[in-house]
Protein backbone atom coordinates (compact mmCIF):
# COMPACT_ATOMS: atom_id res chain seq x y z
CA MET A 1 121.55 16.21 -3.41
CA ALA A 2 123.47 18.98 -5.13
CA THR A 3 127.12 19.36 -4.21
CA GLN A 4 128.17 22.58 -2.53
CA ALA A 5 129.81 23.72 -5.76
CA GLN A 6 126.65 23.01 -7.79
CA ALA A 7 124.47 24.85 -5.29
CA GLU A 8 126.80 27.85 -5.21
CA ALA A 9 126.88 28.05 -9.01
CA LEU A 10 123.10 27.83 -9.31
CA ARG A 11 122.60 30.40 -6.54
CA ALA A 12 124.96 32.82 -8.30
CA ASP A 13 123.13 32.27 -11.61
CA LEU A 14 119.72 32.84 -10.07
CA LYS A 15 120.89 35.93 -8.22
CA ASP A 16 122.37 37.42 -11.39
CA SER A 17 119.18 36.64 -13.32
CA GLY A 18 117.09 38.95 -11.13
CA TRP A 19 114.38 36.28 -10.94
CA GLY A 20 112.28 37.37 -7.97
CA VAL A 21 108.67 37.74 -6.91
CA ASP A 22 108.34 41.32 -8.19
CA ALA A 23 110.12 40.48 -11.45
CA VAL A 24 107.63 37.68 -12.13
CA ALA A 25 104.71 39.99 -11.35
CA ARG A 26 106.03 42.63 -13.76
CA LEU A 27 106.58 40.01 -16.45
CA LEU A 28 103.08 38.58 -16.21
CA GLY A 29 101.17 41.80 -15.62
CA PRO A 30 98.50 42.32 -12.94
CA ALA A 31 95.76 40.16 -14.43
CA ALA A 32 97.86 37.08 -15.27
CA ASP A 33 99.81 37.35 -11.99
CA ALA A 34 96.57 37.52 -9.99
CA ALA A 35 95.19 34.54 -11.93
CA LEU A 36 98.29 32.47 -11.18
CA ARG A 37 97.91 33.23 -7.47
CA ARG A 38 94.38 31.81 -7.79
CA GLU A 39 95.80 28.60 -9.27
CA GLN A 40 94.78 29.58 -12.82
CA ARG A 41 97.77 28.86 -15.01
CA TYR A 42 96.77 29.64 -18.58
CA PRO A 43 96.90 33.49 -18.57
CA ALA A 44 100.47 33.38 -17.25
CA LEU A 45 101.40 30.61 -19.71
CA ARG A 46 99.97 32.64 -22.58
CA ARG A 47 102.05 35.65 -21.56
CA VAL A 48 105.38 33.83 -21.36
CA ARG A 49 104.73 31.97 -24.60
CA GLU A 50 104.24 35.29 -26.36
CA MET A 51 107.52 36.61 -24.96
CA LEU A 52 109.46 33.48 -25.84
CA ARG A 53 108.06 33.44 -29.38
CA ALA A 54 109.03 37.07 -29.90
CA ALA A 55 112.56 36.52 -28.61
CA ARG A 56 113.04 33.41 -30.70
CA ALA A 57 111.83 35.13 -33.81
CA GLY A 58 114.52 37.78 -33.38
CA THR A 59 117.45 35.56 -32.43
CA GLY A 60 116.78 32.12 -33.86
CA ALA A 61 114.77 29.08 -32.87
CA ASP A 62 116.61 28.57 -29.59
CA GLY A 63 117.65 32.12 -28.89
CA ALA A 64 115.26 33.50 -26.26
CA ARG A 65 117.39 35.23 -23.66
CA ASP A 66 115.04 36.96 -21.20
CA PRO A 67 115.96 35.15 -17.95
CA ILE A 68 112.71 36.02 -16.15
CA ALA A 69 110.60 34.66 -19.00
CA VAL A 70 112.69 31.51 -19.45
CA LEU A 71 112.90 30.62 -15.75
CA THR A 72 109.24 31.40 -15.08
CA ALA A 73 108.16 29.39 -18.09
CA VAL A 74 110.12 26.23 -17.36
CA PHE A 75 110.14 26.06 -13.56
CA MET A 76 106.89 27.73 -12.49
CA LEU A 77 104.58 26.97 -15.41
CA GLY A 78 105.94 23.67 -16.73
CA GLU A 79 106.52 25.03 -20.26
CA PRO A 80 109.36 23.31 -22.18
CA VAL A 81 112.23 25.55 -23.31
CA TYR A 82 115.33 24.98 -25.42
CA ALA A 83 118.42 23.75 -23.63
CA ALA A 84 120.35 26.64 -25.19
CA GLU A 85 117.94 29.08 -23.52
CA LEU A 86 118.67 27.64 -20.11
CA ASP A 87 122.39 27.66 -20.92
CA ALA A 88 122.11 31.38 -21.62
CA VAL A 89 120.20 32.43 -18.51
CA LEU A 90 122.08 30.09 -16.14
CA PRO A 91 125.61 30.33 -17.59
CA ARG A 92 127.48 28.69 -14.69
CA THR A 93 124.99 25.84 -14.37
CA GLY A 94 123.54 25.38 -17.83
CA ALA A 95 120.99 22.79 -18.86
CA ALA A 96 123.46 19.97 -18.22
CA GLY A 97 124.13 21.15 -14.67
CA ALA A 98 120.43 21.56 -13.96
CA ARG A 99 119.88 18.04 -15.23
CA ALA A 100 122.70 16.67 -13.09
CA MET A 101 120.94 18.08 -10.03
CA GLY A 102 117.66 16.47 -11.09
CA LEU A 103 115.87 19.72 -11.94
CA VAL A 104 115.20 19.16 -15.66
CA ALA A 105 114.98 16.36 -18.19
CA PRO A 106 114.81 16.19 -21.98
CA VAL A 107 111.29 16.44 -23.35
CA GLY A 108 109.98 12.92 -23.83
CA ASP A 109 111.81 11.35 -20.89
CA ASP A 110 109.50 9.60 -18.44
CA VAL A 111 110.38 10.49 -14.84
CA GLY A 112 107.23 9.10 -13.25
CA SER A 113 104.19 10.72 -11.73
CA GLY A 114 106.09 11.90 -8.67
CA GLY A 115 108.14 14.33 -10.73
CA GLY A 116 111.86 14.79 -10.37
CA THR A 117 114.35 14.37 -7.59
CA VAL A 118 116.97 16.58 -6.07
CA SER A 119 118.90 13.69 -4.55
CA GLY A 120 121.03 12.86 -7.55
CA GLY A 121 119.07 10.00 -9.16
CA GLY A 122 115.99 9.68 -11.33
CA PRO A 123 115.91 12.07 -14.27
CA ALA A 124 119.53 13.09 -13.85
CA SER A 125 120.59 9.76 -15.30
CA SER A 126 118.18 9.39 -18.23
CA GLY A 127 117.75 10.66 -21.76
CA GLY A 128 120.07 11.87 -24.50
CA ALA A 129 122.52 14.75 -24.83
CA LEU A 130 121.13 18.19 -24.04
CA THR A 131 123.62 19.91 -26.33
CA ALA A 132 122.00 18.63 -29.54
CA PRO A 133 120.67 21.48 -31.72
CA GLY A 134 117.05 22.27 -30.98
CA LYS A 135 116.93 20.01 -27.92
CA ARG A 136 114.08 20.97 -25.61
CA ILE A 137 113.92 20.40 -21.88
CA ARG A 138 111.23 20.48 -19.25
CA ALA A 139 111.30 20.91 -15.50
CA VAL A 140 110.78 17.85 -13.33
CA VAL A 141 110.55 19.92 -10.15
CA ASP A 142 108.85 23.17 -9.29
CA LEU A 143 111.35 25.93 -8.54
CA ARG A 144 110.31 29.47 -7.70
CA PRO A 145 111.51 32.58 -5.90
CA HIS A 146 110.39 33.41 -2.39
CA GLU A 147 111.22 36.57 -0.48
CA ALA A 148 111.20 37.34 3.23
CA LYS A 149 111.63 40.44 5.34
CA ASP A 150 112.11 40.39 9.09
CA GLU A 151 114.35 41.66 11.88
CA ALA A 152 117.33 39.98 10.21
CA GLY A 153 116.80 41.96 6.99
CA ASP A 154 115.64 41.09 3.48
CA VAL A 155 116.33 37.79 1.77
CA ARG A 156 115.46 36.04 -1.48
CA TRP A 157 115.42 32.28 -1.74
CA TRP A 158 114.61 29.89 -4.58
CA VAL A 159 112.64 26.92 -3.30
CA ALA A 160 112.22 23.57 -5.06
CA SER A 161 109.42 21.05 -4.57
CA ASP A 162 107.55 18.44 -6.59
CA LEU A 163 105.52 19.57 -9.56
CA GLY A 164 102.10 20.67 -8.41
CA GLU A 165 98.71 19.65 -9.75
CA LEU A 166 98.57 22.89 -11.74
CA VAL A 167 101.37 21.60 -13.99
CA SER A 168 101.05 17.82 -13.65
CA GLN A 169 97.28 17.93 -14.31
CA GLY A 170 96.78 14.69 -12.44
CA GLN A 171 96.39 13.20 -8.99
CA LEU A 172 99.42 13.77 -6.82
CA ALA A 173 101.67 10.90 -5.78
CA PRO A 174 101.46 9.64 -2.19
CA ASP A 175 105.02 10.85 -1.49
CA HIS A 176 104.43 14.25 -3.10
CA VAL A 177 106.49 17.04 -1.54
CA LEU A 178 104.42 20.19 -1.37
CA GLY A 179 105.85 23.58 -2.26
CA ILE A 180 105.26 26.87 -0.49
CA GLY A 181 101.51 27.07 0.10
CA GLY A 182 99.12 29.13 2.14
CA ALA A 183 99.48 26.96 5.25
CA GLY A 184 103.27 27.14 5.15
CA LEU A 185 103.23 30.91 4.79
CA THR A 186 100.70 31.17 7.63
CA LEU A 187 102.99 29.19 9.93
CA ALA A 188 105.99 31.28 8.89
CA SER A 189 104.05 34.44 9.76
CA LEU A 190 102.94 33.03 13.11
CA THR A 191 106.33 31.78 14.31
CA PRO A 192 108.30 34.01 16.73
CA ARG A 193 111.58 35.29 15.28
CA THR A 194 113.55 35.99 18.44
CA GLN A 195 117.09 34.59 18.58
CA VAL A 196 117.23 31.05 20.00
CA ASN A 197 119.88 28.39 20.44
CA THR A 198 117.94 25.36 19.18
CA ALA A 199 114.89 25.00 16.92
CA LEU A 200 112.96 22.06 15.49
CA ASP A 201 111.12 21.98 12.16
CA LEU A 202 108.83 19.01 12.75
CA GLY A 203 107.69 17.65 9.38
CA CYS A 204 109.90 19.88 7.26
CA GLY A 205 108.48 19.11 3.79
CA CYS A 206 110.33 21.22 1.24
CA GLY A 207 112.13 23.07 4.03
CA ILE A 208 110.53 26.52 4.00
CA GLN A 209 110.22 26.64 7.81
CA THR A 210 113.81 25.44 8.12
CA LEU A 211 114.97 28.33 5.96
CA TYR A 212 113.19 30.80 8.21
CA LEU A 213 114.46 29.14 11.40
CA LEU A 214 118.04 29.28 10.20
CA ARG A 215 117.67 33.06 10.19
CA HIS A 216 117.48 33.24 13.98
CA ALA A 217 118.40 29.83 15.46
CA ASP A 218 121.99 28.74 16.08
CA HIS A 219 121.11 25.11 15.34
CA VAL A 220 118.09 23.67 13.53
CA VAL A 221 116.89 20.08 13.43
CA ALA A 222 114.55 19.25 10.53
CA THR A 223 112.62 15.99 10.59
CA ASP A 224 110.26 14.23 8.21
CA ILE A 225 108.98 10.74 7.55
CA SER A 226 109.67 11.28 3.84
CA ALA A 227 113.13 10.79 2.36
CA ARG A 228 112.06 12.95 -0.58
CA ALA A 229 111.12 15.79 1.75
CA LEU A 230 114.48 15.64 3.50
CA ALA A 231 116.23 15.66 0.11
CA TYR A 232 114.33 18.78 -0.89
CA THR A 233 115.14 20.45 2.43
CA ALA A 234 118.81 19.62 1.97
CA PHE A 235 118.77 21.01 -1.56
CA ASN A 236 116.87 24.20 -0.69
CA THR A 237 119.04 25.04 2.29
CA ALA A 238 122.17 24.42 0.23
CA LEU A 239 120.79 26.62 -2.53
CA ALA A 240 120.16 29.33 0.08
CA GLY A 241 123.79 29.13 1.20
CA ALA A 242 123.02 27.85 4.71
CA ASP A 243 125.88 26.59 6.85
CA PRO A 244 125.49 22.77 6.86
CA GLU A 245 127.05 22.62 10.34
CA ARG A 246 124.00 24.45 11.73
CA LEU A 247 121.47 22.03 10.21
CA GLU A 248 120.64 18.48 11.20
CA LEU A 249 118.31 16.36 9.04
CA ARG A 250 116.67 13.36 10.66
CA ARG A 251 114.18 10.90 9.18
CA GLY A 252 111.32 9.45 11.17
CA SER A 253 107.70 9.79 12.25
CA PHE A 254 106.78 12.88 14.25
CA LEU A 255 108.93 13.12 17.42
CA GLU A 256 110.65 9.73 17.08
CA PRO A 257 113.87 11.15 15.57
CA VAL A 258 114.39 13.57 18.50
CA VAL A 259 113.41 11.48 21.53
CA GLY A 260 115.08 12.83 24.65
CA ARG A 261 115.98 16.20 23.17
CA ARG A 262 114.62 19.66 23.96
CA PHE A 263 114.33 22.83 21.93
CA ASP A 264 113.80 26.53 22.45
CA LEU A 265 111.37 26.69 19.53
CA ILE A 266 109.33 24.12 17.62
CA ALA A 267 107.51 25.01 14.40
CA THR A 268 105.31 22.41 12.78
CA ASN A 269 102.74 22.18 10.03
CA PRO A 270 101.91 18.51 10.69
CA PRO A 271 99.82 16.23 8.45
CA PHE A 272 96.66 17.29 10.24
CA VAL A 273 94.04 16.58 7.57
CA ILE A 274 91.25 14.41 8.94
CA THR A 275 90.92 11.69 6.30
CA PRO A 276 88.79 8.74 7.49
CA PRO A 277 89.98 5.16 6.83
CA ALA A 278 86.87 4.60 4.71
CA VAL A 279 88.22 7.10 2.18
CA ARG A 280 91.33 4.96 1.80
CA LYS A 281 89.17 1.95 1.06
CA ALA A 282 87.44 4.04 -1.61
CA GLY A 283 90.77 4.38 -3.39
CA LEU A 284 92.29 7.67 -2.16
CA PRO A 285 95.97 7.13 -1.27
CA LEU A 286 97.53 8.38 1.95
CA MET A 287 99.28 11.66 1.09
CA GLU A 288 102.40 11.95 3.24
CA TYR A 289 102.46 15.74 3.25
CA ARG A 290 98.97 16.06 4.78
CA ASP A 291 97.76 12.65 6.09
CA ALA A 292 99.06 10.71 9.08
CA GLY A 293 96.61 7.82 8.85
CA GLY A 294 94.72 9.07 11.88
CA PRO A 295 94.13 12.13 14.08
CA VAL A 296 97.38 13.97 14.87
CA LEU A 297 96.63 16.58 17.52
CA PRO A 298 95.30 14.21 20.24
CA THR A 299 98.70 12.50 20.47
CA LEU A 300 101.07 15.26 19.36
CA LEU A 301 99.84 18.07 21.63
CA PRO A 302 100.27 16.22 24.95
CA ALA A 303 103.81 15.20 23.96
CA LEU A 304 105.23 18.51 22.75
CA GLY A 305 105.72 20.03 26.20
CA SER A 306 108.42 17.52 27.13
CA TYR A 307 110.41 18.56 24.05
CA LEU A 308 110.55 22.25 25.04
CA ASN A 309 113.22 23.90 27.15
CA PRO A 310 111.95 26.10 29.99
CA GLY A 311 110.69 29.28 28.34
CA GLY A 312 110.46 27.49 24.99
CA MET A 313 107.54 27.73 22.58
CA ALA A 314 105.87 25.48 20.02
CA VAL A 315 103.77 26.88 17.18
CA MET A 316 101.63 24.70 14.96
CA LEU A 317 98.61 24.52 12.66
CA GLY A 318 95.80 22.03 13.05
CA ASN A 319 92.26 20.81 12.39
CA TRP A 320 89.69 19.66 14.94
CA GLU A 321 86.19 18.27 14.63
CA HIS A 322 83.02 19.82 16.04
CA HIS A 323 80.83 17.03 17.43
CA GLY A 324 77.12 17.69 17.92
CA ALA A 325 76.47 20.26 20.62
CA VAL A 326 79.88 19.80 22.28
CA ASP A 327 81.95 22.98 22.26
CA TRP A 328 85.18 22.50 20.28
CA ARG A 329 87.12 24.05 23.16
CA GLU A 330 86.21 21.15 25.41
CA ARG A 331 87.55 18.66 22.90
CA VAL A 332 90.82 20.47 22.20
CA SER A 333 91.41 21.26 25.90
CA SER A 334 91.52 17.54 26.66
CA TRP A 335 94.59 17.19 24.41
CA LEU A 336 96.70 19.85 26.14
CA GLY A 337 99.56 18.78 28.38
CA GLU A 338 99.41 19.81 32.03
CA ASP A 339 102.94 21.25 32.02
CA VAL A 340 102.48 23.95 29.35
CA ASP A 341 100.65 27.20 28.80
CA ALA A 342 98.37 26.96 25.77
CA TRP A 343 96.79 29.43 23.36
CA VAL A 344 94.45 27.88 20.78
CA ILE A 345 92.92 30.08 18.09
CA GLN A 346 90.17 28.89 15.77
CA ARG A 347 90.41 30.92 12.56
CA GLU A 348 87.74 29.38 10.36
CA VAL A 349 85.14 26.62 10.26
CA GLN A 350 84.05 24.47 7.31
CA ASP A 351 81.08 22.17 6.94
CA PRO A 352 81.95 18.48 6.32
CA VAL A 353 81.12 18.52 2.60
CA GLU A 354 83.15 21.67 1.94
CA TYR A 355 86.07 20.20 3.88
CA ALA A 356 86.06 16.89 2.02
CA ILE A 357 85.82 18.50 -1.43
CA MET A 358 88.65 20.92 -0.64
CA TRP A 359 91.08 18.16 0.30
CA LEU A 360 90.05 15.87 -2.55
CA ARG A 361 90.81 18.66 -5.01
CA ASP A 362 94.01 19.51 -3.14
CA GLY A 363 95.33 16.03 -3.96
CA GLY A 364 94.39 16.32 -7.63
CA SER A 365 91.15 14.30 -7.49
CA THR A 366 88.42 16.11 -9.41
CA PRO A 367 85.03 15.17 -10.89
CA GLU A 368 86.22 16.54 -14.23
CA ARG A 369 88.94 13.88 -14.46
CA ASP A 370 87.32 10.94 -12.67
CA ARG A 371 83.76 11.50 -11.54
CA PRO A 372 83.13 7.94 -10.23
CA GLY A 373 86.35 7.91 -8.23
CA PHE A 374 85.81 11.43 -6.89
CA GLU A 375 82.24 10.73 -5.81
CA ALA A 376 83.14 7.40 -4.21
CA ALA A 377 85.78 9.08 -2.06
CA LEU A 378 83.44 11.98 -1.26
CA GLU A 379 80.66 9.60 -0.25
CA ALA A 380 82.99 7.68 2.08
CA TRP A 381 84.18 10.94 3.66
CA ILE A 382 80.67 12.28 4.24
CA GLU A 383 79.34 8.97 5.56
CA ASP A 384 82.15 8.76 8.11
CA PHE A 385 81.52 12.30 9.36
CA GLU A 386 77.78 11.61 9.61
CA SER A 387 78.32 8.37 11.54
CA ARG A 388 80.38 10.23 14.13
CA ASP A 389 78.11 13.30 14.28
CA VAL A 390 80.77 15.64 12.93
CA GLN A 391 78.96 18.92 12.34
CA ALA A 392 81.95 21.01 11.25
CA ILE A 393 85.75 21.12 11.13
CA GLY A 394 87.75 23.95 12.62
CA PHE A 395 91.12 25.20 11.42
CA GLY A 396 93.46 27.24 13.52
CA TYR A 397 96.67 27.74 15.43
CA VAL A 398 98.11 26.25 18.59
CA VAL A 399 100.81 28.02 20.62
CA LEU A 400 102.39 26.18 23.54
CA HIS A 401 104.77 27.69 26.11
CA ARG A 402 106.75 25.87 28.77
CA PRO A 403 106.90 28.01 31.94
CA GLU A 404 110.24 28.82 33.52
CA PRO A 405 110.13 27.44 37.09
CA LEU A 406 112.48 30.09 38.47
CA ALA A 407 110.61 32.96 36.82
CA ASP A 408 107.11 31.58 37.54
CA PRO A 409 107.39 29.54 40.75
CA GLY A 410 104.24 27.61 41.56
CA ARG A 411 101.90 29.23 39.05
CA ALA A 412 99.39 27.09 37.21
CA PRO A 413 99.57 26.95 33.39
CA TRP A 414 97.22 29.37 31.67
CA ARG A 415 94.76 28.38 28.96
CA VAL A 416 93.16 30.55 26.27
CA LEU A 417 90.93 28.97 23.61
CA GLU A 418 89.21 31.53 21.42
CA GLU A 419 87.81 32.27 17.98
CA ILE A 420 89.34 35.10 15.94
CA GLY A 421 87.87 35.77 12.51
CA THR A 422 89.76 38.96 11.64
CA ARG A 423 92.62 38.85 9.15
CA SER A 424 96.00 40.21 10.14
CA VAL A 425 97.89 42.28 7.58
CA VAL A 426 101.27 41.96 9.30
CA PRO A 427 103.46 39.01 10.39
CA LEU A 428 102.26 37.70 13.74
CA GLY A 429 105.46 36.27 15.22
CA GLN A 430 106.39 39.33 17.27
CA HIS A 431 102.80 39.70 18.50
CA VAL A 432 102.69 36.03 19.53
CA THR A 433 105.94 36.41 21.46
CA GLN A 434 104.69 39.49 23.29
CA ALA A 435 101.27 38.00 24.00
CA VAL A 436 102.74 34.81 25.49
CA ARG A 437 105.15 36.77 27.67
CA THR A 438 102.38 39.09 28.85
CA ARG A 439 99.93 36.29 29.63
CA SER A 440 102.65 34.43 31.51
CA ARG A 441 103.48 37.48 33.64
CA LEU A 442 99.82 38.19 34.33
CA ALA A 443 99.22 34.56 35.35
CA GLY A 444 101.57 35.10 38.29
CA MET A 445 99.97 38.38 39.42
CA ASP A 446 96.97 38.82 41.73
CA ASP A 447 94.39 41.56 41.18
CA GLU A 448 96.09 43.91 43.62
CA ALA A 449 99.33 43.70 41.62
CA VAL A 450 97.48 44.37 38.36
CA ALA A 451 95.79 47.39 39.96
CA GLN A 452 99.25 48.85 40.58
CA LEU A 453 100.26 48.61 36.90
CA ARG A 454 100.61 51.80 34.88
CA PRO A 455 99.49 50.76 31.39
CA VAL A 456 100.12 52.56 28.11
CA VAL A 457 97.77 52.35 25.14
CA ALA A 458 99.46 50.61 22.20
CA PRO A 459 100.36 52.95 19.31
CA ASP A 460 98.30 50.97 16.78
CA VAL A 461 95.00 51.34 18.71
CA THR A 462 92.33 53.72 17.46
CA GLU A 463 88.95 54.62 18.91
CA GLU A 464 85.74 54.76 16.91
CA ARG A 465 82.57 56.35 18.33
CA HIS A 466 79.07 56.00 16.87
CA LEU A 467 76.43 58.62 17.66
CA ARG A 468 72.88 58.95 16.42
CA PRO A 469 71.97 62.41 15.11
CA GLY A 470 71.28 64.73 18.02
CA ASP A 471 72.76 62.42 20.69
CA SER A 472 75.47 63.76 22.99
CA GLU A 473 76.59 60.33 24.19
CA PRO A 474 77.88 57.61 21.85
CA SER A 475 75.71 54.56 21.31
CA MET A 476 78.80 52.47 20.58
CA ILE A 477 82.53 52.82 21.26
CA LEU A 478 84.93 50.52 19.41
CA LEU A 479 88.63 50.07 20.09
CA ARG A 480 90.42 48.84 16.97
CA GLN A 481 93.82 47.21 16.87
CA GLY A 482 95.90 47.97 13.78
CA GLY A 483 98.47 45.18 14.27
CA GLY A 484 98.38 41.77 15.90
CA PHE A 485 95.13 39.97 15.17
CA ALA A 486 93.39 43.26 14.32
CA ARG A 487 90.91 42.81 17.15
CA THR A 488 87.90 45.05 17.68
CA VAL A 489 86.77 45.53 21.29
CA ARG A 490 83.40 47.03 22.13
CA ALA A 491 83.92 49.35 25.09
CA ASP A 492 81.60 51.07 27.52
CA THR A 493 82.40 54.58 28.75
CA THR A 494 84.34 53.22 31.73
CA LEU A 495 86.64 51.07 29.58
CA ALA A 496 87.03 53.91 27.09
CA ALA A 497 88.07 56.18 29.97
CA LEU A 498 90.71 53.67 31.06
CA VAL A 499 92.21 53.48 27.58
CA SER A 500 92.02 57.24 26.93
CA VAL A 501 94.19 58.11 29.96
CA ALA A 502 96.52 55.09 29.83
CA ASP A 503 99.81 56.95 29.28
CA GLY A 504 101.98 55.27 31.92
CA GLN A 505 101.49 58.01 34.50
CA LEU A 506 98.52 56.62 36.45
CA SER A 507 97.96 53.14 37.84
CA VAL A 508 94.82 51.17 37.07
CA GLY A 509 93.69 51.68 40.66
CA GLN A 510 94.21 55.44 40.45
CA ILE A 511 92.25 55.63 37.19
CA ALA A 512 89.41 53.60 38.72
CA ALA A 513 89.28 55.85 41.79
CA ALA A 514 89.19 58.99 39.62
CA VAL A 515 86.40 57.65 37.39
CA ALA A 516 84.43 56.52 40.46
CA ALA A 517 84.69 60.01 41.96
CA LEU A 518 83.45 61.59 38.73
CA THR A 519 80.57 59.18 38.10
CA GLY A 520 79.53 58.24 41.60
CA ALA A 521 80.16 54.55 40.92
CA GLU A 522 81.21 52.20 43.70
CA SER A 523 85.03 52.32 43.76
CA ALA A 524 85.71 48.67 44.64
CA GLU A 525 83.43 47.34 41.89
CA LEU A 526 84.87 49.74 39.34
CA THR A 527 88.41 48.74 40.29
CA GLU A 528 87.56 45.05 39.92
CA SER A 529 86.03 45.71 36.48
CA MET A 530 89.02 47.78 35.31
CA VAL A 531 91.51 45.17 36.55
CA ALA A 532 89.72 42.45 34.56
CA ALA A 533 89.62 44.68 31.47
CA THR A 534 93.31 45.53 31.92
CA ARG A 535 94.25 41.85 31.99
CA SER A 536 92.36 41.25 28.74
CA LEU A 537 93.65 44.35 26.92
CA LEU A 538 97.25 43.72 28.01
CA ALA A 539 97.08 40.08 26.91
CA ASP A 540 95.63 41.03 23.52
CA GLY A 541 98.14 43.83 22.97
CA LEU A 542 95.83 46.86 23.07
CA LEU A 543 97.53 47.99 26.28
CA ARG A 544 101.17 47.60 27.25
CA TRP A 545 103.28 48.03 30.32
CA GLU A 546 106.99 48.26 30.88
């Protein structure tokens, strides 16, 4: 692991360089930047090579000095650069300092298929002098900027991980430490960002969730079964300037390192990929960052509640199988602990073949490189799913909440299992917090209490009416949510009336009575209908109440 002085020097160098997400996008241009986001490396590589060649032609063979081009080339794209170039753009650290931290190695050194290390060994102790004229170096880790914006303000981090398949061009090692990917960013968006005393990053990987948690938790515990992952988390938090007294790193499987402890918030992107044992026999190694050797959610979900403080929340990602005609909700419900509220959201569904191919490619196994090996693993995966009547695999989110006994005496835990296919355009953490609080309050209220509420329509809700030419009454009324999960609710005229006058002045019961008087509807039935609709709209965030 880097010393505090090394981390401070590198952080200062990177900050001075201006190497950020927007700077990389400007360097590459729209087309190459978009291609790189799609895991297509060559257009970006072509662009930085052009820039480095031009700079070298003007200043000598090892004279390129554009820090954005040099850092993007070596650390994001795996392109060798001259040691003197890294000395110039990282003046406090230099190529020698980067090598001492295990970030780079001389071209030609063999550091193994797993890439580099940030724990002080490996490539940092091999090769010849980097100061020799014309000496070229290459990255042995992936290092890239990441930026965040939340209630705590704006921040830029630089996050290290193992070299990805895009650069290594081969199958990933079993102990590969994944960088910032789509799943990690999804979890970061989903996690509530209210201030808490204690938080747990369960299965920390490279430490991206830990970095976010340190923004709003007084103390963070990060666990992983992988020593490499913990080393990366230690390095990345040091590079971010985190206070080491607020961070605790513990090695072990799942909850074993924190037995007997409780937290206000747990965030976890566990190794949830469903990889059958038959695939192992076909030659695919167990990938620590995504595989646990068996199903994870059936054992992890029932246990998490006992690790939460009253009022605490756990947020996680997961996969679940769809078996025959059995509803997926029935299967997932059986895993939920009896002492927690639970909100399970299925975001997408894949067929078994699509699922298997995606994860084979994710680990670097492709038919282009090894068709027999790829097809053997694929066959084993498909045969296992067929033998167990797996029709599809769902992906989604799980949010658990431990009720507060004093605030919610005697109420039963609530359960919501639903499918949401819309795509949110904003971070979801604040919405998740509000939705859990609202559902918990509503769970302790009878219909009479809900009828007394004076709801207010949320500011992001719009109404859309569809009329056929010549009609005076709409054939369809849609309520659209701009934030949250961007839900669309189809409303009848009664529900539309409720929302249109929900300004905090009238109670639900008063609105129902007024609509009943105007339409001639039966007041009790209308009140019952509006109370049920109010519960749903409040829980989903289309209505609010103080």
